[in-house]
Structure formats: C-alpha cells, structure tokens
C-alpha cells in the first residue's frame, strides 16, 4: 500500500440552517466537483445534500425505509438497498466515487463491501468510528464494559454495529487487499484533524474517527 498524499481538513461548507458534521465536510472536500457519486448507507441524506450544493451528482442507497423516505422527501435520488447484498448488482466503474460514511462497522462482510466499493467506483471514501480511541480503551480498562460514546451511544445488545475496527486495523486491511490510500485524516473528539506529522499509533489513540480516500492498488 502506498500513501500518495495525507492532507488536513480543507474548506468548510455551511448551510443556511445549521452546520454540517465535520466528517461530512471532510468527505465532501475529497470529491471533485462534477463527479458522479454513490453514497452507500446514506441515512437521511445530509451528506448527499452537501454534495449537491457543491455541484456533485449524488445518488444514494439506504437500508432503512424511513431513511429512504426522508431522502426522497428532500428530492434526493435514493433507493432502498443493503450494502452487503446489493452492491454486487452495480456494474464496474459506474461512479467516480463511492462513499461509505460511518457504515463499515455495521456491514456483515466489511472486506467484501470494501472490494465492491472500489470495483463500482474509481475511488472510494470510507469513514468509521475508531474503536482504538483512548476513551474506548479507558472504558474497557477501567469500567470493564463495552464502550459507549456520543457517536456510538447504543448498548452492546441493541447496536447495529457488529464489526468494530481501529484505524490500525483498517490500514492493515487496505494493505492486505492492495488498496492505495490517497488521503487519510483522523478526526479528534471535537472534529479537528489530528496533526499529520504524528505517527500512526497516535492517530489510533487520539483519532475518534478515520476518513480515508482510497483507490485501487497498482497490482489490480
């Protein structure tokens, strides 16, 4: 795996009513205007709306019927579907970017899903909560219970998240399947980028979430 570029958070996009999440702004910064994008697990469509504001042709796939209905009510092109089972139906190179935002940990086969993202899109953008974050470690070490945070509020018995991973785990998976990181950012508890000149283990400790811009490795 090669790292072409590791860059900080770029410009900040705002909307007239409320602010977008820091990870959504960062993901949008990674997409070139005019691109064709598929947002997998798009929720209620906030990221798609931000992309649309930036002149990006965004489509979405969402598991929950409620999420699909809310997206359609906003005028977004979203269909109901499952990342684990429905991505195989998309043709190769159908999109410039395929986005998986805060959804990887809820998939049954994360590796297969990641491979499909990079088959369907020329690039993939993946963001996820970092289970190696220091607050997570502290709750396990001191509290002796499965961690809960503001971004992961559900208890262990009712969470949709079934495959937690750390930033280190994800980097190792990318290496294993020959995925190239073009850009990588770890965001701290306040949505600020962890300094770039720090080693990976610091990102793994102090990054509450990771955001990665990926492309296919040279061997593919």
Protein backbone atom coordinates (compact mmCIF):
# COMPACT_ATOMS: atom_id res chain seq x y z
CA UNK A 1 0.00 0.00 0.00
CA UNK A 2 1.34 3.43 -0.88
CA UNK A 3 0.34 6.79 0.52
CA UNK A 4 0.33 9.45 -2.17
CA UNK A 5 -0.94 12.25 -0.01
CA UNK A 6 -2.08 12.83 3.56
CA UNK A 7 -3.78 16.16 3.88
CA UNK A 8 -5.60 18.17 6.55
CA UNK A 9 -9.21 19.22 6.59
CA UNK A 10 -9.95 21.64 3.78
CA UNK A 11 -12.54 24.37 3.39
CA UNK A 12 -15.65 24.38 5.48
CA UNK A 13 -19.06 24.29 3.85
CA UNK A 14 -22.05 25.66 5.68
CA UNK A 15 -25.78 25.72 5.05
CA UNK A 16 -28.33 28.32 5.92
CA UNK A 17 -29.90 26.26 8.71
CA UNK A 18 -27.31 24.58 10.89
CA UNK A 19 -23.84 23.22 10.27
CA UNK A 20 -22.79 20.02 8.58
CA UNK A 21 -20.85 17.43 10.54
CA UNK A 22 -17.06 17.72 10.40
CA UNK A 23 -16.67 14.29 8.79
CA UNK A 24 -19.26 15.16 6.13
CA UNK A 25 -17.42 18.38 5.27
CA UNK A 26 -14.19 16.44 5.01
CA UNK A 27 -15.71 13.76 2.79
CA UNK A 28 -17.18 16.45 0.53
CA UNK A 29 -13.76 18.11 0.29
CA UNK A 30 -12.37 14.87 -1.11
CA UNK A 31 -14.81 14.79 -4.03
CA UNK A 32 -14.12 16.78 -7.19
CA UNK A 33 -17.00 19.00 -8.41
CA UNK A 34 -18.95 17.48 -11.27
CA UNK A 35 -18.28 13.92 -10.15
CA UNK A 36 -20.82 11.12 -10.10
CA UNK A 37 -21.12 9.70 -6.59
CA UNK A 38 -22.88 6.82 -4.84
CA UNK A 39 -23.41 7.24 -1.09
CA UNK A 40 -23.85 3.79 0.49
CA UNK A 41 -25.78 3.88 3.76
CA UNK A 42 -26.75 7.49 3.19
CA UNK A 43 -29.08 7.77 6.20
CA UNK A 44 -31.33 10.82 5.93
CA UNK A 45 -29.31 12.33 3.09
CA UNK A 46 -27.35 15.10 4.84
CA UNK A 47 -24.12 14.27 3.03
CA UNK A 48 -25.90 13.96 -0.30
CA UNK A 49 -27.38 17.42 0.21
CA UNK A 50 -23.92 18.86 0.89
CA UNK A 51 -22.53 17.18 -2.23
CA UNK A 52 -25.41 18.54 -4.29
CA UNK A 53 -24.62 22.07 -3.07
CA UNK A 54 -21.10 21.58 -4.45
CA UNK A 55 -22.25 20.62 -7.93
CA UNK A 56 -21.84 16.88 -7.47
CA UNK A 57 -24.23 14.31 -8.98
CA UNK A 58 -25.08 12.22 -5.91
CA UNK A 59 -27.14 9.04 -5.65
CA UNK A 60 -27.80 7.03 -2.51
CA UNK A 61 -28.59 3.57 -1.21
CA UNK A 62 -30.05 3.18 2.28
CA UNK A 63 -31.16 0.11 4.24
CA UNK A 64 -33.95 1.68 6.30
CA UNK A 65 -37.25 2.54 4.67
CA UNK A 66 -37.56 5.56 6.99
CA UNK A 67 -34.23 6.91 5.77
CA UNK A 68 -35.19 6.41 2.14
CA UNK A 69 -38.50 8.21 2.66
CA UNK A 70 -36.78 11.19 4.28
CA UNK A 71 -34.25 11.39 1.45
CA UNK A 72 -36.93 11.22 -1.23
CA UNK A 73 -38.87 13.95 0.59
CA UNK A 74 -35.78 16.13 0.23
CA UNK A 75 -35.69 15.48 -3.52
CA UNK A 76 -32.68 13.15 -3.34
CA UNK A 77 -32.18 10.14 -5.64
CA UNK A 78 -32.09 7.34 -3.08
CA UNK A 79 -33.22 3.72 -3.24
CA UNK A 80 -33.55 1.07 -0.55
CA UNK A 81 -30.77 -1.47 -0.50
CA UNK A 82 -28.25 -3.42 1.56
CA UNK A 83 -24.51 -2.83 1.20
CA UNK A 84 -23.80 -6.50 1.92
CA UNK A 85 -26.09 -7.91 -0.76
CA UNK A 86 -26.92 -5.24 -3.34
CA UNK A 87 -23.58 -3.72 -4.31
CA UNK A 88 -22.83 -6.79 -6.44
CA UNK A 89 -25.60 -5.66 -8.80
CA UNK A 90 -23.79 -2.43 -9.74
CA UNK A 91 -21.52 -2.52 -12.83
CA UNK A 92 -17.79 -1.82 -12.71
CA UNK A 93 -16.71 1.84 -12.78
CA UNK A 94 -20.30 3.08 -12.56
CA UNK A 95 -19.29 6.04 -10.35
CA UNK A 96 -16.33 8.35 -9.88
CA UNK A 97 -16.58 7.94 -6.09
CA UNK A 98 -18.42 5.52 -3.83
CA UNK A 99 -18.81 6.72 -0.24
CA UNK A 100 -19.31 4.57 2.86
CA UNK A 101 -19.77 7.02 5.72
CA UNK A 102 -19.94 5.64 9.28
CA UNK A 103 -21.37 2.37 7.94
CA UNK A 104 -18.44 -0.04 7.58
CA UNK A 105 -18.80 -1.34 11.14
CA UNK A 106 -22.45 -2.26 10.52
CA UNK A 107 -21.77 -4.48 7.49
CA UNK A 108 -21.59 -8.25 7.76
CA UNK A 109 -18.63 -8.60 5.37
CA UNK A 110 -16.53 -5.42 5.55
CA UNK A 111 -13.76 -6.74 3.31
CA UNK A 112 -16.18 -7.76 0.54
CA UNK A 113 -18.01 -4.44 0.83
CA UNK A 114 -14.74 -2.52 0.54
CA UNK A 115 -13.75 -4.52 -2.53
CA UNK A 116 -17.12 -3.77 -4.12
CA UNK A 117 -16.76 -0.04 -3.41
CA UNK A 118 -13.53 0.02 -5.40
CA UNK A 119 -14.99 -2.07 -8.20
CA UNK A 120 -18.05 0.16 -8.61
CA UNK A 121 -16.17 3.44 -8.15
CA UNK A 122 -12.83 4.65 -9.41
CA UNK A 123 -12.26 5.87 -5.87
CA UNK A 124 -13.84 5.12 -2.52
CA UNK A 125 -14.20 7.30 0.57
CA UNK A 126 -14.63 5.40 3.83
CA UNK A 127 -15.19 6.88 7.29
CA UNK A 128 -15.71 4.94 10.51
CA UNK A 129 -15.54 5.32 14.30
CA UNK A 130 -12.14 4.32 15.66
CA UNK A 131 -12.51 1.62 18.31
CA UNK A 132 -8.90 2.26 19.34
CA UNK A 133 -9.78 5.79 20.52
CA UNK A 134 -8.47 6.44 24.03
CA UNK A 135 -11.94 6.89 25.54
CA UNK A 136 -12.93 3.46 24.22
CA UNK A 137 -9.82 1.89 25.71
CA UNK A 138 -10.40 3.59 29.05
CA UNK A 139 -13.98 2.36 29.34
CA UNK A 140 -12.85 -1.20 28.68
CA UNK A 141 -9.85 -0.97 31.01
CA UNK A 142 -11.39 0.92 33.93
CA UNK A 143 -15.11 0.36 33.51
CA UNK A 144 -14.91 -3.21 32.29
CA UNK A 145 -17.82 -2.72 29.89
CA UNK A 146 -18.31 -2.27 26.16
CA UNK A 147 -17.66 1.39 25.34
CA UNK A 148 -20.38 3.93 24.60
CA UNK A 149 -19.66 7.41 23.24
CA UNK A 150 -21.62 10.31 21.77
CA UNK A 151 -21.08 8.86 18.30
CA UNK A 152 -21.72 5.28 19.46
CA UNK A 153 -24.50 5.63 22.04
CA UNK A 154 -26.15 2.21 21.72
CA UNK A 155 -25.60 -0.56 24.24
CA UNK A 156 -23.84 -3.75 23.16
CA UNK A 157 -27.12 -5.69 22.94
CA UNK A 158 -29.02 -3.30 20.68
CA UNK A 159 -26.33 -1.80 18.45
CA UNK A 160 -26.33 -2.27 14.69
CA UNK A 161 -22.53 -2.15 14.76
CA UNK A 162 -21.11 -5.68 14.54
CA UNK A 163 -17.57 -5.22 13.19
CA UNK A 164 -15.76 -2.56 15.17
CA UNK A 165 -12.25 -1.79 13.97
CA UNK A 166 -9.42 0.60 14.74
CA UNK A 167 -7.59 2.89 12.36
CA UNK A 168 -4.69 0.44 12.52
CA UNK A 169 -6.99 -2.47 11.62
CA UNK A 170 -8.35 -0.60 8.62
CA UNK A 171 -4.90 0.35 7.34
CA UNK A 172 -3.83 -3.30 7.61
CA UNK A 173 -6.93 -4.41 5.67
CA UNK A 174 -6.15 -1.92 2.90
CA UNK A 175 -2.62 -3.31 2.74
CA UNK A 176 -3.91 -6.90 2.63
CA UNK A 177 -6.21 -6.31 -0.35
CA UNK A 178 -3.82 -3.97 -2.19
CA UNK A 179 -5.76 -0.75 -1.70
CA UNK A 180 -3.95 2.56 -2.09
CA UNK A 181 -4.54 5.41 0.36
CA UNK A 182 -4.59 8.72 -1.49
CA UNK A 183 -5.58 10.73 1.55
CA UNK A 184 -6.11 9.93 5.22
CA UNK A 185 -7.35 12.05 8.09
CA UNK A 186 -8.04 11.19 11.72
CA UNK A 187 -10.53 13.49 13.47
CA UNK A 188 -10.33 14.04 17.22
CA UNK A 189 -13.17 14.29 19.73
CA UNK A 190 -14.02 17.81 18.51
CA UNK A 191 -13.90 17.02 14.79
CA UNK A 192 -10.44 18.52 14.34
CA UNK A 193 -7.73 16.74 12.32
CA UNK A 194 -5.04 15.00 14.36
CA UNK A 195 -1.66 16.59 13.37
CA UNK A 196 -0.26 14.99 10.25
CA UNK A 197 3.35 14.69 11.39
CA UNK A 198 2.46 12.29 14.20
CA UNK A 199 2.91 8.50 13.80
CA UNK A 200 0.03 6.10 13.11
CA UNK A 201 -0.16 4.90 16.71
CA UNK A 202 -1.01 8.46 17.80
CA UNK A 203 -3.80 8.61 15.22
CA UNK A 204 -5.03 5.25 16.51
CA UNK A 205 -5.04 6.56 20.09
CA UNK A 206 -6.41 10.09 19.65
CA UNK A 207 -8.49 9.88 16.48
CA UNK A 208 -12.15 9.37 17.32
CA UNK A 209 -12.83 8.57 13.67
CA UNK A 210 -10.90 7.99 10.48
CA UNK A 211 -11.67 9.24 6.97
CA UNK A 212 -9.86 7.66 4.00
CA UNK A 213 -9.77 8.38 0.27
CA UNK A 214 -8.89 5.13 -1.47
CA UNK A 215 -8.16 3.83 -4.95
CA UNK A 216 -7.20 0.52 -6.46
CA UNK A 217 -3.65 -0.68 -5.98
CA UNK A 218 -1.28 -0.89 -8.90
CA UNK A 219 -1.42 -4.67 -8.94
CA UNK A 220 -5.09 -4.75 -9.88
